[in-house]
Protein backbone atom coordinates (compact mmCIF):
# COMPACT_ATOMS: atom_id res chain seq x y z
CA MET A 1 0.26 -0.07 -0.26
CA ALA A 2 2.49 2.79 0.22
CA ASN A 3 4.16 2.14 -3.05
CA ASN A 4 0.63 3.09 -4.08
CA ILE A 5 0.35 5.87 -1.75
CA ALA A 6 4.02 6.82 -3.63
CA TRP A 7 2.58 6.60 -6.44
CA ILE A 8 -1.45 8.35 -6.39
CA ARG A 9 1.26 11.11 -5.35
CA ALA A 10 3.75 11.34 -8.01
CA ASN A 11 1.20 10.28 -10.62
CA LEU A 12 -2.59 11.03 -9.49
CA LEU A 13 -2.64 14.30 -7.44
CA ARG A 14 -1.53 17.09 -10.34
CA PHE A 15 -5.02 15.71 -12.31
CA GLU A 16 -7.30 16.31 -8.77
CA GLY A 17 -8.28 19.59 -10.27
CA ASP A 18 -9.00 18.14 -13.60
CA VAL A 19 -11.24 15.57 -12.07
CA ARG A 20 -13.57 17.59 -10.08
CA LYS A 21 -14.33 20.03 -12.67
CA TRP A 22 -15.82 16.56 -14.45
CA VAL A 23 -17.73 15.15 -11.51
CA ARG A 24 -18.97 19.16 -11.03
CA ARG A 25 -19.81 18.82 -14.88
CA SER A 26 -21.04 15.50 -15.32
CA CYS A 27 -22.57 14.03 -12.43
CA PRO A 28 -26.05 14.65 -11.14
CA ARG A 29 -26.97 17.46 -8.32
CA GLY A 30 -26.17 16.43 -4.98
CA THR A 31 -23.04 14.10 -5.68
CA GLU A 32 -20.57 15.18 -3.34
CA GLU A 33 -17.06 15.65 -5.23
CA ASP A 34 -14.72 15.51 -2.64
CA ASP A 35 -16.27 12.23 -1.27
CA VAL A 36 -16.03 10.62 -5.07
CA ILE A 37 -12.28 11.93 -5.09
CA GLN A 38 -11.48 10.47 -1.20
CA GLU A 39 -12.79 7.20 -2.56
CA ALA A 40 -10.97 7.19 -5.66
CA TYR A 41 -7.68 7.78 -3.84
CA ALA A 42 -8.70 5.18 -1.30
CA ARG A 43 -9.71 2.22 -3.96
CA ILE A 44 -6.16 3.20 -6.32
CA ALA A 45 -4.16 3.03 -2.41
CA ALA A 46 -5.86 -0.77 -2.13
CA ALA A 47 -5.07 -1.71 -6.00
CA PRO A 48 -2.92 -5.00 -5.55
CA ASP A 49 -0.99 -3.23 -8.90
CA LEU A 50 -0.72 -0.01 -10.46
CA GLY A 51 2.46 -1.10 -13.20
CA HIS A 52 -0.28 -1.74 -15.78
CA VAL A 53 -1.38 2.00 -15.76
CA SER A 54 -0.10 3.52 -18.68
CA ASN A 55 -2.44 6.78 -18.18
CA PRO A 56 -2.62 8.17 -14.67
CA ARG A 57 -5.19 10.65 -16.15
CA ALA A 58 -7.46 8.69 -17.82
CA TYR A 59 -7.01 6.02 -14.86
CA PHE A 60 -7.93 8.22 -12.03
CA LEU A 61 -10.87 9.56 -14.18
CA THR A 62 -11.87 6.14 -14.77
CA VAL A 63 -11.84 5.51 -11.05
CA VAL A 64 -14.24 8.34 -10.20
CA ARG A 65 -16.45 7.58 -13.04
CA HIS A 66 -17.29 4.47 -12.10
CA ILE A 67 -17.39 5.50 -8.05
CA ALA A 68 -20.39 8.25 -9.47
CA PHE A 69 -22.17 5.56 -11.46
CA GLU A 70 -21.72 3.63 -8.05
CA GLN A 71 -23.56 6.36 -6.00
CA LEU A 72 -25.90 7.04 -8.75
CA ARG A 73 -27.28 3.38 -9.10
CA ARG A 74 -27.40 3.02 -4.89
CA ALA A 75 -29.07 6.53 -4.21
CA ARG A 76 -31.77 5.04 -6.99
CA ILE A 77 -31.60 1.34 -5.66
CA ALA A 78 -32.40 3.20 -1.89
CA PRO A 79 -31.96 6.45 -0.45
CA ILE A 80 -29.83 6.83 2.55
CA MET A 81 -30.50 9.06 5.21
CA LEU A 82 -27.95 11.20 6.70
CA VAL A 83 -26.38 10.29 10.38
CA GLU A 84 -25.51 13.45 11.95
CA ASP A 85 -23.95 12.15 14.78
CA PHE A 86 -22.79 8.48 14.60
CA GLY A 87 -21.73 8.43 18.13
CA ALA A 88 -25.30 9.19 19.05
CA SER A 89 -26.50 6.59 16.91
CA ASP A 90 -28.23 3.16 17.22
CA ILE A 91 -25.88 1.81 14.99
CA ILE A 92 -23.60 -1.21 15.77
CA ASP A 93 -20.97 -2.84 13.52
CA GLU A 94 -21.50 -7.14 14.77
CA SER A 95 -18.79 -8.09 12.42
CA ALA A 96 -16.15 -5.83 14.54
CA GLY A 97 -14.44 -7.56 16.81
CA PRO A 98 -12.29 -5.75 19.42
CA ASP A 99 -9.08 -5.84 17.93
CA ARG A 100 -10.38 -4.37 14.68
CA ILE A 101 -12.36 -1.78 17.18
CA VAL A 102 -9.16 -1.00 19.01
CA ALA A 103 -7.16 -0.76 15.51
CA GLY A 104 -9.54 1.46 14.50
CA GLN A 105 -9.25 3.98 16.87
CA GLN A 106 -5.52 4.15 17.27
CA GLU A 107 -5.32 4.83 13.24
CA LEU A 108 -7.98 7.81 14.05
CA ARG A 109 -5.59 8.66 16.86
CA ARG A 110 -2.46 8.49 14.41
CA ILE A 111 -4.26 10.77 11.07
CA ALA A 112 -5.44 13.07 14.30
CA ALA A 113 -2.16 13.73 15.17
CA ILE A 114 -0.69 13.95 11.49
CA VAL A 115 -3.51 16.95 11.10
CA GLU A 116 -3.23 18.74 14.27
CA ALA A 117 0.54 19.21 12.77
CA PHE A 118 -0.50 20.72 9.87
CA PRO A 119 0.32 24.56 9.33
CA GLU A 120 -2.78 26.25 10.76
CA LYS A 121 -4.37 27.64 7.49
CA ILE A 122 -4.29 24.20 5.88
CA ARG A 123 -5.36 22.72 8.61
CA GLU A 124 -8.48 24.55 9.19
CA ILE A 125 -9.64 23.83 5.97
CA PHE A 126 -8.65 20.38 5.89
CA GLN A 127 -10.96 19.90 8.92
CA LEU A 128 -13.73 21.82 8.06
CA ARG A 129 -14.19 19.71 4.35
CA ARG A 130 -12.65 16.13 5.05
CA ILE A 131 -13.68 16.10 9.18
CA GLN A 132 -17.03 18.54 9.79
CA GLY A 133 -17.91 17.38 5.52
CA LEU A 134 -18.90 21.03 4.48
CA PRO A 135 -19.14 22.08 0.97
CA GLN A 136 -16.26 23.97 -0.60
CA LYS A 137 -18.51 26.62 -1.07
CA GLU A 138 -19.42 27.17 2.35
CA ILE A 139 -15.61 26.83 3.63
CA ALA A 140 -14.55 29.76 0.86
CA ARG A 141 -17.56 31.64 2.29
CA ARG A 142 -16.81 31.15 6.33
CA LEU A 143 -13.23 31.92 5.98
CA GLY A 144 -13.77 34.47 2.86
CA VAL A 145 -11.29 33.38 0.55
CA PRO A 146 -11.51 31.78 -2.62
CA GLU A 147 -12.84 28.29 -3.58
CA SER A 148 -10.28 27.52 -5.31
CA THR A 149 -7.94 28.50 -2.28
CA VAL A 150 -10.09 26.00 -0.51
CA GLU A 151 -9.55 23.50 -3.00
CA LYS A 152 -5.35 24.30 -3.14
CA ARG A 153 -5.48 24.04 0.59
CA ALA A 154 -7.49 20.52 1.23
CA ALA A 155 -5.31 18.69 -1.79
CA LYS A 156 -2.36 20.30 0.11
CA GLY A 157 -3.34 18.65 3.47
CA LEU A 158 -4.79 15.39 1.75
CA ALA A 159 -0.81 15.21 -0.16
CA MET A 160 0.40 15.65 3.59
CA LEU A 161 -1.46 13.37 5.25
CA LEU A 162 -0.42 10.55 2.52
CA ALA A 163 3.30 11.46 2.84
CA ALA A 164 2.90 11.32 6.46
CA LEU A 165 1.31 7.79 6.69
CA ARG A 166 3.63 6.31 4.07
CA THR A 167 6.33 7.47 5.78
CA ASP A 168 5.01 5.70 8.43
CA ASP A 169 4.23 2.94 7.14
CA GLU A 170 7.93 3.24 5.80
CA ASP A 171 9.02 3.53 9.42
CA ALA A 172 7.09 0.57 11.20
CA ALA A 173 8.17 -2.01 7.94
CA ALA A 174 11.98 -0.99 8.51
CA ASP A 175 11.07 -1.33 12.30
CA ASP A 176 9.51 -5.20 11.36
CA ALA A 177 12.68 -6.11 9.17
CA ASP A 178 15.03 -5.13 11.88
CA ALA A 179 13.17 -7.17 14.42
CA PRO A 180 14.74 -11.11 15.19
CA ALA A 181 12.76 -13.79 13.51
CA ARG A 182 11.51 -16.72 15.40
CA ARG A 183 11.91 -20.14 13.76
CA PRO A 184 8.29 -21.46 13.66
CA GLY A 185 7.44 -23.98 16.65
CA SER A 186 10.71 -23.51 18.09
CA GLY A 187 10.16 -20.46 20.53
CA ALA A 188 13.87 -19.41 20.11
CA TRP A 189 15.02 -16.61 17.94
CA ARG A 190 17.00 -16.72 15.24
């Protein structure tokens, strides 16, 4: 996954503005462009291999297009009510065991610490956009900045987050590689 994050950073971030324009122009009203873009990044980061991609811009747009169509199809099948506060809701994920819950909480703390270290202006926009889910227009209005500034700072925040996560993952992989190995079943260290 760390290699995919580096690939995203090197090959896709520069096309995000173009892809956002396509979403705004081509998707039905109500489609949240940031959600579509974020889902695309997540899917691409989880891809088993990106070596086959010869045109990153076209690949990015194709992934975004598929996500937008999936959202449209789901919206037509069963409208979903928005839940303002998941913590206050009665939704329980029966499939998540205690280990997954703890791992998720640790990952959230890790991300929160990374975001907290962002420069103030980037952090503020990133939190309003990604955490509170406010639309770019609303953030621009609240802060008195052009919408393009909001878009650029949100993209910069995402790039910073991806870079920090990649660095953390690489450091963890290096630590694992340096750790002494055990021989299976022997209980002895090699």
